[in-house]
Amino acid sequence: MTTLLLLIGGLILLVLGGELLVRGSVNVASRLGVSPLVIGLTLVGFGTSTPELVTSVQAALAGAPGIAYGNIVGSNIANLLLILGVATIILPITVESSTLKRDGLVMIGVALVFAAMAATMPAGRLVGAVFLAALAAYIYLAFRQESQSSSDHGAVYDKSLAAQGADPALVPDKVSKGSLVMPLLTAVAGLAIVVLGGKFLVDGAVGLARSYGVSETLIGLTIVAVGTSMPELVTSVMAALRKQTDVAFGNIVGSNIYNILGIGGATALMAPTDVPREIVTFDNLVMIAISVLVIFFAWTGRRISRGEGTVLLLGYIGYLAWLWP
């Protein structure tokens, strides 16, 4: 019972703290004169990935690499099979932007690089620094693209738009003025709650693995990964309900790129360790295969149909059935 309470409480605190952290940070940035576009592409665009970031870093620091990297790879698999499948069943996804196809190739590329790294070397600080530098370059290129084009958007922009659609208060329409005290306090409180939630979730996940005699990697790939991916589920489903299906697709692609470069990079930088062998030999290959499959679906006919979404959802059920003893 204690383990279950830790898991549920940790997830609730992660979501609540992440919301407060993003809101506070957005208001601080706005009051400091940062443009709404920059706020959207950075603070908001990746704010929904805060639960994965904190959980993976804390798990690695606690000596649980199975949970840390299981969370990253498992979240990417859940994004593509579970969340994209659900969103597509709600409304078939039309891939209208050519840049989304470009970002789709980037998603496949970073998955391949991560898999190759995990199979040949430890996830050390140099790897983490390279991943984070690659993410910074990717965001910079996205900013240049969005500044120059009003119609052809990329995955980073769509991830921001999906988050705003789920909560329109996240990005101000214009630079606001006022005291920094309350926004700062909100951001600090959100950060503290996220850190506490991450600790509860990691402790609960480790306890669950020990109680049932299963590996921490299995718990990270499934329960932890799905739990920390809930913000992506909400934002993608909301985008599908608003008939912004290209935004729902871009949200998933952007999340997967950030999970590997941002969360994987931060985890390797702060807590160098080896990626568990189970992930290297199976789950990384699954992540690459379904990344290619999803982009293939999107490329053929420039849409993902309900039938293809059903295939994705059934694929996730099959993946869980294969993993669990």
C-alpha atoms as a PDB file:
ATOM      1  CA  MET A   1       0.000   0.000   0.000  1.00  0.00           C
ATOM      2  CA  THR A   2       2.843   2.387   0.862  1.00  0.00           C
ATOM      3  CA  THR A   3       4.491   1.683  -2.493  1.00  0.00           C
ATOM      4  CA  LEU A   4       1.261   2.378  -4.356  1.00  0.00           C
ATOM      5  CA  LEU A   5       0.738   5.633  -2.455  1.00  0.00           C
ATOM      6  CA  LEU A   6       4.277   6.721  -3.294  1.00  0.00           C
ATOM      7  CA  LEU A   7       3.700   6.007  -6.990  1.00  0.00           C
ATOM      8  CA  ILE A   8       0.347   7.790  -7.196  1.00  0.00           C
ATOM      9  CA  GLY A   9       1.424  10.661  -4.964  1.00  0.00           C
ATOM     10  CA  GLY A  10       4.639  11.088  -6.921  1.00  0.00           C
ATOM     11  CA  LEU A  11       2.800  11.293 -10.246  1.00  0.00           C
ATOM     12  CA  ILE A  12       0.289  13.822  -8.891  1.00  0.00           C
ATOM     13  CA  LEU A  13       3.065  15.988  -7.464  1.00  0.00           C
ATOM     14  CA  LEU A  14       5.043  15.791 -10.707  1.00  0.00           C
ATOM     15  CA  VAL A  15       2.112  17.012 -12.782  1.00  0.00           C
ATOM     16  CA  LEU A  16       1.094  19.712 -10.293  1.00  0.00           C
ATOM     17  CA  GLY A  17       4.649  20.905  -9.719  1.00  0.00           C
ATOM     18  CA  GLY A  18       5.403  20.913 -13.432  1.00  0.00           C
ATOM     19  CA  GLU A  19       2.359  23.088 -14.085  1.00  0.00           C
ATOM     20  CA  LEU A  20       3.399  25.597 -11.406  1.00  0.00           C
ATOM     21  CA  LEU A  21       7.016  25.589 -12.575  1.00  0.00           C
ATOM     22  CA  VAL A  22       6.080  26.330 -16.180  1.00  0.00           C
ATOM     23  CA  ARG A  23       3.509  28.992 -15.249  1.00  0.00           C
ATOM     24  CA  GLY A  24       5.926  30.748 -12.904  1.00  0.00           C
ATOM     25  CA  SER A  25       8.818  30.562 -15.362  1.00  0.00           C
ATOM     26  CA  VAL A  26       6.672  31.869 -18.212  1.00  0.00           C
ATOM     27  CA  ASN A  27       5.537  34.856 -16.141  1.00  0.00           C
ATOM     28  CA  VAL A  28       9.094  35.611 -15.039  1.00  0.00           C
ATOM     29  CA  ALA A  29      10.353  35.475 -18.627  1.00  0.00           C
ATOM     30  CA  SER A  30       7.483  37.651 -19.823  1.00  0.00           C
ATOM     31  CA  ARG A  31       8.189  40.294 -17.177  1.00  0.00           C
ATOM     32  CA  LEU A  32      11.873  40.285 -18.181  1.00  0.00           C
ATOM     33  CA  GLY A  33      10.902  41.122 -21.755  1.00  0.00           C
ATOM     34  CA  VAL A  34      11.446  37.721 -23.388  1.00  0.00           C
ATOM     35  CA  SER A  35       9.378  37.378 -26.557  1.00  0.00           C
ATOM     36  CA  PRO A  36       6.344  35.065 -26.567  1.00  0.00           C
ATOM     37  CA  LEU A  37       7.916  33.035 -29.403  1.00  0.00           C
ATOM     38  CA  VAL A  38      11.044  32.286 -27.379  1.00  0.00           C
ATOM     39  CA  ILE A  39       8.909  31.481 -24.326  1.00  0.00           C
ATOM     40  CA  GLY A  40       6.784  29.121 -26.391  1.00  0.00           C
ATOM     41  CA  LEU A  41       9.697  27.310 -28.000  1.00  0.00           C
ATOM     42  CA  THR A  42      11.555  26.791 -24.728  1.00  0.00           C
ATOM     43  CA  LEU A  43       9.658  27.048 -21.443  1.00  0.00           C
ATOM     44  CA  VAL A  44       6.249  25.983 -22.736  1.00  0.00           C
ATOM     45  CA  GLY A  45       7.304  23.749 -25.598  1.00  0.00           C
ATOM     46  CA  PHE A  46       9.192  21.436 -23.291  1.00  0.00           C
ATOM     47  CA  GLY A  47       7.416  22.169 -20.035  1.00  0.00           C
ATOM     48  CA  THR A  48       5.274  19.055 -20.376  1.00  0.00           C
ATOM     49  CA  SER A  49       8.466  16.963 -20.333  1.00  0.00           C
ATOM     50  CA  THR A  50       9.437  18.138 -16.834  1.00  0.00           C
ATOM     51  CA  PRO A  51       8.121  14.936 -15.151  1.00  0.00           C
ATOM     52  CA  GLU A  52      10.320  12.738 -17.356  1.00  0.00           C
ATOM     53  CA  LEU A  53      13.351  14.979 -16.789  1.00  0.00           C
ATOM     54  CA  VAL A  54      13.150  15.051 -13.001  1.00  0.00           C
ATOM     55  CA  THR A  55      12.283  11.358 -12.715  1.00  0.00           C
ATOM     56  CA  SER A  56      15.138  10.156 -14.927  1.00  0.00           C
ATOM     57  CA  VAL A  57      17.754  12.385 -13.301  1.00  0.00           C
ATOM     58  CA  GLN A  58      16.661  11.422  -9.789  1.00  0.00           C
ATOM     59  CA  ALA A  59      16.552   7.736 -10.678  1.00  0.00           C
ATOM     60  CA  ALA A  60      20.073   7.855 -12.124  1.00  0.00           C
ATOM     61  CA  LEU A  61      21.362   9.724  -9.069  1.00  0.00           C
ATOM     62  CA  ALA A  62      19.700   7.102  -6.851  1.00  0.00           C
ATOM     63  CA  GLY A  63      21.543   4.308  -8.654  1.00  0.00           C
ATOM     64  CA  ALA A  64      18.527   3.067 -10.632  1.00  0.00           C
ATOM     65  CA  PRO A  65      19.565   3.396 -14.313  1.00  0.00           C
ATOM     66  CA  GLY A  66      16.849   0.943 -15.331  1.00  0.00           C
ATOM     67  CA  ILE A  67      14.198   3.410 -14.204  1.00  0.00           C
ATOM     68  CA  ALA A  68      16.116   6.408 -15.590  1.00  0.00           C
ATOM     69  CA  TYR A  69      16.605   5.108 -19.125  1.00  0.00           C
ATOM     70  CA  GLY A  70      13.533   2.895 -19.068  1.00  0.00           C
ATOM     71  CA  ASN A  71      11.555   6.094 -18.479  1.00  0.00           C
ATOM     72  CA  ILE A  72      13.167   7.805 -21.488  1.00  0.00           C
ATOM     73  CA  VAL A  73      12.850   4.946 -23.968  1.00  0.00           C
ATOM     74  CA  GLY A  74       9.509   3.794 -22.557  1.00  0.00           C
ATOM     75  CA  SER A  75       8.090   7.319 -22.836  1.00  0.00           C
ATOM     76  CA  ASN A  76       9.104   7.499 -26.496  1.00  0.00           C
ATOM     77  CA  ILE A  77       7.490   4.143 -27.206  1.00  0.00           C
ATOM     78  CA  ALA A  78       4.321   5.148 -25.321  1.00  0.00           C
ATOM     79  CA  ASN A  79       4.216   8.468 -27.193  1.00  0.00           C
ATOM     80  CA  LEU A  80       4.298   6.759 -30.582  1.00  0.00           C
ATOM     81  CA  LEU A  81       2.122   3.729 -29.915  1.00  0.00           C
ATOM     82  CA  LEU A  82      -0.239   4.650 -27.077  1.00  0.00           C
ATOM     83  CA  ILE A  83      -0.687   8.426 -27.280  1.00  0.00           C
ATOM     84  CA  LEU A  84      -0.462   8.837 -31.055  1.00  0.00           C
ATOM     85  CA  GLY A  85      -2.679   5.777 -31.461  1.00  0.00           C
ATOM     86  CA  VAL A  86      -5.362   7.223 -29.163  1.00  0.00           C
ATOM     87  CA  ALA A  87      -5.173  10.673 -30.813  1.00  0.00           C
ATOM     88  CA  THR A  88      -5.455   9.142 -34.284  1.00  0.00           C
ATOM     89  CA  ILE A  89      -8.453   6.993 -33.336  1.00  0.00           C
ATOM     90  CA  ILE A  90     -10.183  10.173 -32.111  1.00  0.00           C
ATOM     91  CA  LEU A  91      -9.474  11.884 -35.436  1.00  0.00           C
ATOM     92  CA  PRO A  92      -7.244  10.755 -38.333  1.00  0.00           C
ATOM     93  CA  ILE A  93      -4.083  12.851 -38.397  1.00  0.00           C
ATOM     94  CA  THR A  94      -3.272  14.903 -41.456  1.00  0.00           C
ATOM     95  CA  VAL A  95       0.410  15.765 -41.737  1.00  0.00           C
ATOM     96  CA  GLU A  96       0.218  19.127 -43.459  1.00  0.00           C
ATOM     97  CA  SER A  97       3.705  20.526 -42.841  1.00  0.00           C
ATOM     98  CA  SER A  98       6.787  19.458 -44.742  1.00  0.00           C
ATOM     99  CA  THR A  99       8.918  20.488 -41.775  1.00  0.00           C
ATOM    100  CA  LEU A 100       7.177  17.860 -39.648  1.00  0.00           C
ATOM    101  CA  LYS A 101       8.528  15.275 -42.032  1.00  0.00           C
ATOM    102  CA  ARG A 102      11.960  16.805 -41.570  1.00  0.00           C
ATOM    103  CA  ASP A 103      11.535  16.638 -37.808  1.00  0.00           C
ATOM    104  CA  GLY A 104      10.359  13.073 -38.164  1.00  0.00           C
ATOM    105  CA  LEU A 105      13.690  12.202 -39.758  1.00  0.00           C
ATOM    106  CA  VAL A 106      15.434  14.003 -36.904  1.00  0.00           C
ATOM    107  CA  MET A 107      13.424  11.870 -34.451  1.00  0.00           C
ATOM    108  CA  ILE A 108      14.601   8.694 -36.199  1.00  0.00           C
ATOM    109  CA  GLY A 109      18.151  10.023 -36.362  1.00  0.00           C
ATOM    110  CA  VAL A 110      18.464  10.795 -32.648  1.00  0.00           C
ATOM    111  CA  ALA A 111      16.929   7.395 -31.799  1.00  0.00           C
ATOM    112  CA  LEU A 112      19.597   5.713 -33.940  1.00  0.00           C
ATOM    113  CA  VAL A 113      22.378   7.768 -32.348  1.00  0.00           C
ATOM    114  CA  PHE A 114      21.131   6.987 -28.836  1.00  0.00           C
ATOM    115  CA  ALA A 115      20.883   3.261 -29.616  1.00  0.00           C
ATOM    116  CA  ALA A 116      24.391   3.207 -31.101  1.00  0.00           C
ATOM    117  CA  MET A 117      25.804   5.090 -28.124  1.00  0.00           C
ATOM    118  CA  ALA A 118      24.093   2.812 -25.608  1.00  0.00           C
ATOM    119  CA  ALA A 119      25.438  -0.291 -27.363  1.00  0.00           C
ATOM    120  CA  THR A 120      29.050   0.874 -27.569  1.00  0.00           C
ATOM    121  CA  MET A 121      29.866   3.130 -24.609  1.00  0.00           C
ATOM    122  CA  PRO A 122      28.631   4.320 -21.202  1.00  0.00           C
ATOM    123  CA  ALA A 123      26.276   7.293 -21.065  1.00  0.00           C
ATOM    124  CA  GLY A 124      28.986   9.583 -19.674  1.00  0.00           C
ATOM    125  CA  ARG A 125      29.272  13.320 -19.192  1.00  0.00           C
ATOM    126  CA  LEU A 126      30.753  13.915 -22.646  1.00  0.00           C
ATOM    127  CA  VAL A 127      27.782  12.143 -24.233  1.00  0.00           C
ATOM    128  CA  GLY A 128      25.413  14.207 -22.097  1.00  0.00           C
ATOM    129  CA  ALA A 129      27.110  17.463 -23.096  1.00  0.00           C
ATOM    130  CA  VAL A 130      26.961  16.544 -26.801  1.00  0.00           C
ATOM    131  CA  PHE A 131      23.266  15.644 -26.563  1.00  0.00           C
ATOM    132  CA  LEU A 132      22.401  18.904 -24.787  1.00  0.00           C
ATOM    133  CA  ALA A 133      24.421  20.927 -27.306  1.00  0.00           C
ATOM    134  CA  ALA A 134      22.563  19.185 -30.129  1.00  0.00           C
ATOM    135  CA  LEU A 135      19.235  20.071 -28.476  1.00  0.00           C
ATOM    136  CA  ALA A 136      20.283  23.724 -28.114  1.00  0.00           C
ATOM    137  CA  ALA A 137      21.220  23.828 -31.808  1.00  0.00           C
ATOM    138  CA  TYR A 138      17.906  22.219 -32.743  1.00  0.00           C
ATOM    139  CA  ILE A 139      15.930  24.801 -30.743  1.00  0.00           C
ATOM    140  CA  TYR A 140      17.970  27.639 -32.267  1.00  0.00           C
ATOM    141  CA  LEU A 141      17.238  26.410 -35.787  1.00  0.00           C
ATOM    142  CA  ALA A 142      13.563  26.063 -34.858  1.00  0.00           C
ATOM    143  CA  PHE A 143      13.541  29.663 -33.598  1.00  0.00           C
ATOM    144  CA  ARG A 144      15.061  30.916 -36.860  1.00  0.00           C
ATOM    145  CA  GLN A 145      12.512  28.936 -38.849  1.00  0.00           C
ATOM    146  CA  GLU A 146       9.520  30.190 -36.853  1.00  0.00           C
ATOM    147  CA  SER A 147      10.778  33.779 -36.987  1.00  0.00           C
ATOM    148  CA  GLN A 148      10.949  33.680 -40.789  1.00  0.00           C
ATOM    149  CA  SER A 149       7.808  31.664 -41.592  1.00  0.00           C
ATOM    150  CA  SER A 150       4.218  32.149 -40.484  1.00  0.00           C
ATOM    151  CA  SER A 151       2.806  29.032 -42.128  1.00  0.00           C
ATOM    152  CA  ASP A 152       5.337  26.180 -42.213  1.00  0.00           C
ATOM    153  CA  HIS A 153       5.883  25.142 -38.601  1.00  0.00           C
ATOM    154  CA  GLY A 154       8.085  22.490 -37.057  1.00  0.00           C
ATOM    155  CA  ALA A 155       7.677  20.002 -34.237  1.00  0.00           C
ATOM    156  CA  VAL A 156       9.048  22.294 -31.517  1.00  0.00           C
ATOM    157  CA  TYR A 157       6.489  24.964 -32.379  1.00  0.00           C
ATOM    158  CA  ASP A 158       3.679  22.418 -32.494  1.00  0.00           C
ATOM    159  CA  LYS A 159       4.680  21.013 -29.106  1.00  0.00           C
ATOM    160  CA  SER A 160       4.375  24.520 -27.686  1.00  0.00           C
ATOM    161  CA  LEU A 161       1.051  25.059 -29.453  1.00  0.00           C
ATOM    162  CA  ALA A 162      -0.322  21.769 -28.086  1.00  0.00           C
ATOM    163  CA  ALA A 163       0.590  22.779 -24.527  1.00  0.00           C
ATOM    164  CA  GLN A 164      -1.031  26.192 -25.001  1.00  0.00           C
ATOM    165  CA  GLY A 165      -4.170  24.573 -26.379  1.00  0.00           C
ATOM    166  CA  ALA A 166      -4.468  22.410 -23.281  1.00  0.00           C
ATOM    167  CA  ASP A 167      -3.851  25.464 -21.086  1.00  0.00           C
ATOM    168  CA  PRO A 168      -4.134  28.812 -22.959  1.00  0.00           C
ATOM    169  CA  ALA A 169      -2.793  30.728 -19.948  1.00  0.00           C
ATOM    170  CA  LEU A 170       0.674  29.258 -20.413  1.00  0.00           C
ATOM    171  CA  VAL A 171       1.917  31.779 -22.984  1.00  0.00           C
ATOM    172  CA  PRO A 172       1.053  35.474 -22.807  1.00  0.00           C
ATOM    173  CA  ASP A 173       0.074  37.204 -26.046  1.00  0.00           C
ATOM    174  CA  LYS A 174       2.505  40.001 -25.299  1.00  0.00           C
ATOM    175  CA  VAL A 175       5.270  40.881 -22.911  1.00  0.00           C
ATOM    176  CA  SER A 176       3.739  41.648 -19.531  1.00  0.00           C
ATOM    177  CA  LYS A 177       4.924  43.880 -16.715  1.00  0.00           C
ATOM    178  CA  GLY A 178       4.739  43.728 -12.959  1.00  0.00           C
ATOM    179  CA  SER A 179       6.514  42.373  -9.930  1.00  0.00           C
ATOM    180  CA  LEU A 180       8.747  39.320 -10.241  1.00  0.00           C
ATOM    181  CA  VAL A 181       8.099  38.167  -6.675  1.00  0.00           C
ATOM    182  CA  MET A 182       4.979  36.052  -7.159  1.00  0.00           C
ATOM    183  CA  PRO A 183       6.078  34.441 -10.444  1.00  0.00           C
ATOM    184  CA  LEU A 184       9.439  33.584  -8.892  1.00  0.00           C
ATOM    185  CA  LEU A 185       7.789  32.100  -5.820  1.00  0.00           C
ATOM    186  CA  THR A 186       5.452  30.098  -8.052  1.00  0.00           C
ATOM    187  CA  ALA A 187       8.349  28.743 -10.104  1.00  0.00           C
ATOM    188  CA  VAL A 188      10.408  27.866  -7.013  1.00  0.00           C
ATOM    189  CA  ALA A 189       7.426  26.172  -5.367  1.00  0.00           C
ATOM    190  CA  GLY A 190       6.761  24.241  -8.578  1.00  0.00           C
ATOM    191  CA  LEU A 191      10.382  23.115  -8.759  1.00  0.00           C
ATOM    192  CA  ALA A 192      10.315  21.939  -5.132  1.00  0.00           C
ATOM    193  CA  ILE A 193       7.085  20.006  -5.712  1.00  0.00           C
ATOM    194  CA  VAL A 194       8.476  18.398  -8.891  1.00  0.00           C
ATOM    195  CA  VAL A 195      11.644  17.294  -7.095  1.00  0.00           C
ATOM    196  CA  LEU A 196       9.606  15.840  -4.233  1.00  0.00           C
ATOM    197  CA  GLY A 197       7.243  14.112  -6.665  1.00  0.00           C
ATOM    198  CA  GLY A 198      10.190  12.647  -8.560  1.00  0.00           C
ATOM    199  CA  LYS A 199      11.648  11.236  -5.337  1.00  0.00           C
ATOM    200  CA  PHE A 200       8.307   9.684  -4.365  1.00  0.00           C
ATOM    201  CA  LEU A 201       7.884   8.177  -7.845  1.00  0.00           C
ATOM    202  CA  VAL A 202      11.386   6.714  -7.946  1.00  0.00           C
ATOM    203  CA  ASP A 203      11.093   5.314  -4.405  1.00  0.00           C
ATOM    204  CA  GLY A 204       7.712   3.814  -5.261  1.00  0.00           C
ATOM    205  CA  ALA A 205       8.997   2.315  -8.510  1.00  0.00           C
ATOM    206  CA  VAL A 206      12.008   0.732  -6.803  1.00  0.00           C
ATOM    207  CA  GLY A 207       9.766  -0.616  -4.046  1.00  0.00           C
ATOM    208  CA  LEU A 208       7.331  -2.042  -6.585  1.00  0.00           C
ATOM    209  CA  ALA A 209      10.109  -3.805  -8.468  1.00  0.00           C
ATOM    210  CA  ARG A 210      11.435  -5.386  -5.289  1.00  0.00           C
ATOM    211  CA  SER A 211       7.996  -6.357  -4.007  1.00  0.00           C
ATOM    212  CA  TYR A 212       7.031  -8.228  -7.169  1.00  0.00           C
ATOM    213  CA  GLY A 213      10.483  -9.513  -8.058  1.00  0.00           C
ATOM    214  CA  VAL A 214      10.638  -7.764 -11.427  1.00  0.00           C
ATOM    215  CA  SER A 215      13.424  -5.603 -12.795  1.00  0.00           C
ATOM    216  CA  GLU A 216      13.571  -1.859 -12.235  1.00  0.00           C
ATOM    217  CA  THR A 217      13.999  -1.513 -16.002  1.00  0.00           C
ATOM    218  CA  LEU A 218      10.605  -3.146 -16.585  1.00  0.00           C
ATOM    219  CA  ILE A 219       8.936  -0.735 -14.142  1.00  0.00           C
ATOM    220  CA  GLY A 220      10.698   2.216 -15.786  1.00  0.00           C
ATOM    221  CA  LEU A 221       9.654   1.163 -19.287  1.00  0.00           C
ATOM    222  CA  THR A 222       5.990   0.743 -18.373  1.00  0.00           C
ATOM    223  CA  ILE A 223       4.462   2.240 -15.219  1.00  0.00           C
ATOM    224  CA  VAL A 224       6.912   5.130 -14.818  1.00  0.00           C
ATOM    225  CA  ALA A 225       7.069   5.905 -18.549  1.00  0.00           C
ATOM    226  CA  VAL A 226       3.287   5.968 -18.980  1.00  0.00           C
ATOM    227  CA  GLY A 227       2.799   7.997 -15.802  1.00  0.00           C
ATOM    228  CA  THR A 228       5.297  10.699 -16.751  1.00  0.00           C
ATOM    229  CA  SER A 229       3.868  10.815 -20.305  1.00  0.00           C
ATOM    230  CA  MET A 230       0.410  11.879 -19.112  1.00  0.00           C
ATOM    231  CA  PRO A 231       0.969  15.563 -20.020  1.00  0.00           C
ATOM    232  CA  GLU A 232       1.740  14.514 -23.615  1.00  0.00           C
ATOM    233  CA  LEU A 233      -1.420  12.391 -23.657  1.00  0.00           C
ATOM    234  CA  VAL A 234      -3.544  15.326 -22.494  1.00  0.00           C
ATOM    235  CA  THR A 235      -2.024  17.825 -24.934  1.00  0.00           C
ATOM    236  CA  SER A 236      -2.200  15.474 -27.936  1.00  0.00           C
ATOM    237  CA  VAL A 237      -5.784  14.390 -27.236  1.00  0.00           C
ATOM    238  CA  MET A 238      -6.834  18.021 -26.749  1.00  0.00           C
ATOM    239  CA  ALA A 239      -5.209  18.935 -30.072  1.00  0.00           C
ATOM    240  CA  ALA A 240      -7.029  16.056 -31.800  1.00  0.00           C
ATOM    241  CA  LEU A 241     -10.358  17.141 -30.289  1.00  0.00           C
ATOM    242  CA  ARG A 242      -9.738  20.684 -31.582  1.00  0.00           C
ATOM    243  CA  LYS A 243      -9.063  19.118 -35.012  1.00  0.00           C
ATOM    244  CA  GLN A 244      -5.457  20.368 -34.926  1.00  0.00           C
ATOM    245  CA  THR A 245      -4.175  16.937 -35.880  1.00  0.00           C
ATOM    246  CA  ASP A 246      -0.860  18.156 -37.298  1.00  0.00           C
ATOM    247  CA  VAL A 247      -0.227  19.800 -33.913  1.00  0.00           C
ATOM    248  CA  ALA A 248      -0.918  16.496 -32.143  1.00  0.00           C
ATOM    249  CA  PHE A 249       1.605  14.782 -34.416  1.00  0.00           C
ATOM    250  CA  GLY A 250       4.217  17.520 -33.981  1.00  0.00           C
ATOM    251  CA  ASN A 251       3.761  17.370 -30.209  1.00  0.00           C
ATOM    252  CA  ILE A 252       4.724  13.682 -30.179  1.00  0.00           C
ATOM    253  CA  VAL A 253       7.677  14.135 -32.526  1.00  0.00           C
ATOM    254  CA  GLY A 254       8.992  17.104 -30.535  1.00  0.00           C
ATOM    255  CA  SER A 255       8.587  15.210 -27.258  1.00  0.00           C
ATOM    256  CA  ASN A 256      10.557  12.237 -28.535  1.00  0.00           C
ATOM    257  CA  ILE A 257      13.417  14.416 -29.751  1.00  0.00           C
ATOM    258  CA  TYR A 258      13.549  16.233 -26.423  1.00  0.00           C
ATOM    259  CA  ASN A 259      13.342  13.014 -24.400  1.00  0.00           C
ATOM    260  CA  ILE A 260      16.528  11.655 -25.969  1.00  0.00           C
ATOM    261  CA  LEU A 261      18.573  14.834 -26.388  1.00  0.00           C
ATOM    262  CA  GLY A 262      17.304  16.803 -23.386  1.00  0.00           C
ATOM    263  CA  ILE A 263      16.421  14.231 -20.750  1.00  0.00           C
ATOM    264  CA  GLY A 264      18.975  11.670 -21.914  1.00  0.00           C
ATOM    265  CA  GLY A 265      21.622  14.377 -22.097  1.00  0.00           C
ATOM    266  CA  ALA A 266      20.845  15.805 -18.655  1.00  0.00           C
ATOM    267  CA  THR A 267      20.746  12.326 -17.111  1.00  0.00           C
ATOM    268  CA  ALA A 268      24.111  11.350 -18.597  1.00  0.00           C
ATOM    269  CA  LEU A 269      25.663  14.674 -17.605  1.00  0.00           C
ATOM    270  CA  MET A 270      24.505  14.585 -13.988  1.00  0.00           C
ATOM    271  CA  ALA A 271      24.719  10.840 -13.295  1.00  0.00           C
ATOM    272  CA  PRO A 272      26.980   8.950 -15.762  1.00  0.00           C
ATOM    273  CA  THR A 273      26.094   5.264 -16.009  1.00  0.00           C
ATOM    274  CA  ASP A 274      25.586   2.421 -18.464  1.00  0.00           C
ATOM    275  CA  VAL A 275      22.263   2.035 -20.243  1.00  0.00           C
ATOM    276  CA  PRO A 276      20.822  -1.329 -19.046  1.00  0.00           C
ATOM    277  CA  ARG A 277      21.495  -4.238 -21.367  1.00  0.00           C
ATOM    278  CA  GLU A 278      17.801  -5.138 -21.664  1.00  0.00           C
ATOM    279  CA  ILE A 279      17.102  -1.718 -23.184  1.00  0.00           C
ATOM    280  CA  VAL A 280      20.126  -1.899 -25.505  1.00  0.00           C
ATOM    281  CA  THR A 281      19.211  -5.300 -26.943  1.00  0.00           C
ATOM    282  CA  PHE A 282      15.431  -4.916 -27.254  1.00  0.00           C
ATOM    283  CA  ASP A 283      13.644  -1.684 -26.349  1.00  0.00           C
ATOM    284  CA  ASN A 284      15.956   0.640 -28.290  1.00  0.00           C
ATOM    285  CA  LEU A 285      15.333  -1.498 -31.366  1.00  0.00           C
ATOM    286  CA  VAL A 286      11.572  -1.303 -30.770  1.00  0.00           C
ATOM    287  CA  MET A 287      11.812   2.486 -30.441  1.00  0.00           C
ATOM    288  CA  ILE A 288      13.675   2.767 -33.752  1.00  0.00           C
ATOM    289  CA  ALA A 289      11.322   0.388 -35.562  1.00  0.00           C
ATOM    290  CA  ILE A 290       8.135   2.162 -34.495  1.00  0.00           C
ATOM    291  CA  SER A 291       9.684   5.578 -35.194  1.00  0.00           C
ATOM    292  CA  VAL A 292      10.273   4.436 -38.773  1.00  0.00           C
ATOM    293  CA  LEU A 293       6.778   2.916 -38.933  1.00  0.00           C
ATOM    294  CA  VAL A 294       5.065   6.108 -37.757  1.00  0.00           C
ATOM    295  CA  ILE A 295       6.966   8.282 -40.236  1.00  0.00           C
ATOM    296  CA  PHE A 296       6.129   5.763 -42.969  1.00  0.00           C
ATOM    297  CA  PHE A 297       2.439   6.043 -42.039  1.00  0.00           C
ATOM    298  CA  ALA A 298       2.683   9.842 -42.106  1.00  0.00           C
ATOM    299  CA  TRP A 299       4.561   9.882 -45.398  1.00  0.00           C
ATOM    300  CA  THR A 300       2.080   7.696 -47.286  1.00  0.00           C
ATOM    301  CA  GLY A 301      -0.876   9.853 -48.215  1.00  0.00           C
ATOM    302  CA  ARG A 302       0.290  12.594 -45.823  1.00  0.00           C
ATOM    303  CA  ARG A 303      -1.958  11.251 -43.094  1.00  0.00           C
ATOM    304  CA  ILE A 304      -2.285   8.611 -40.377  1.00  0.00           C
ATOM    305  CA  SER A 305      -5.662   6.868 -40.610  1.00  0.00           C
ATOM    306  CA  ARG A 306      -7.811   5.431 -37.818  1.00  0.00           C
ATOM    307  CA  GLY A 307      -6.831   1.969 -38.978  1.00  0.00           C
ATOM    308  CA  GLU A 308      -3.149   2.819 -38.648  1.00  0.00           C
ATOM    309  CA  GLY A 309      -3.837   4.407 -35.252  1.00  0.00           C
ATOM    310  CA  THR A 310      -5.516   1.165 -34.174  1.00  0.00           C
ATOM    311  CA  VAL A 311      -2.430  -0.754 -35.318  1.00  0.00           C
ATOM    312  CA  LEU A 312      -0.287   1.552 -33.150  1.00  0.00           C
ATOM    313  CA  LEU A 313      -2.510   1.106 -30.091  1.00  0.00           C
ATOM    314  CA  LEU A 314      -2.641  -2.669 -30.507  1.00  0.00           C
ATOM    315  CA  GLY A 315       1.125  -2.594 -30.936  1.00  0.00           C
ATOM    316  CA  TYR A 316       1.467  -0.992 -27.517  1.00  0.00           C
ATOM    317  CA  ILE A 317      -0.766  -3.623 -25.938  1.00  0.00           C
ATOM    318  CA  GLY A 318       1.390  -6.295 -27.568  1.00  0.00           C
ATOM    319  CA  TYR A 319       4.565  -4.590 -26.351  1.00  0.00           C
ATOM    320  CA  LEU A 320       3.285  -4.584 -22.757  1.00  0.00           C
ATOM    321  CA  ALA A 321       2.206  -8.214 -23.046  1.00  0.00           C
ATOM    322  CA  TRP A 322       5.679  -9.149 -24.277  1.00  0.00           C
ATOM    323  CA  LEU A 323       7.444  -7.297 -21.460  1.00  0.00           C
ATOM    324  CA  TRP A 324       5.413  -8.417 -18.484  1.00  0.00           C
ATOM    325  CA  PRO A 325       5.967 -11.947 -17.186  1.00  0.00           C
END
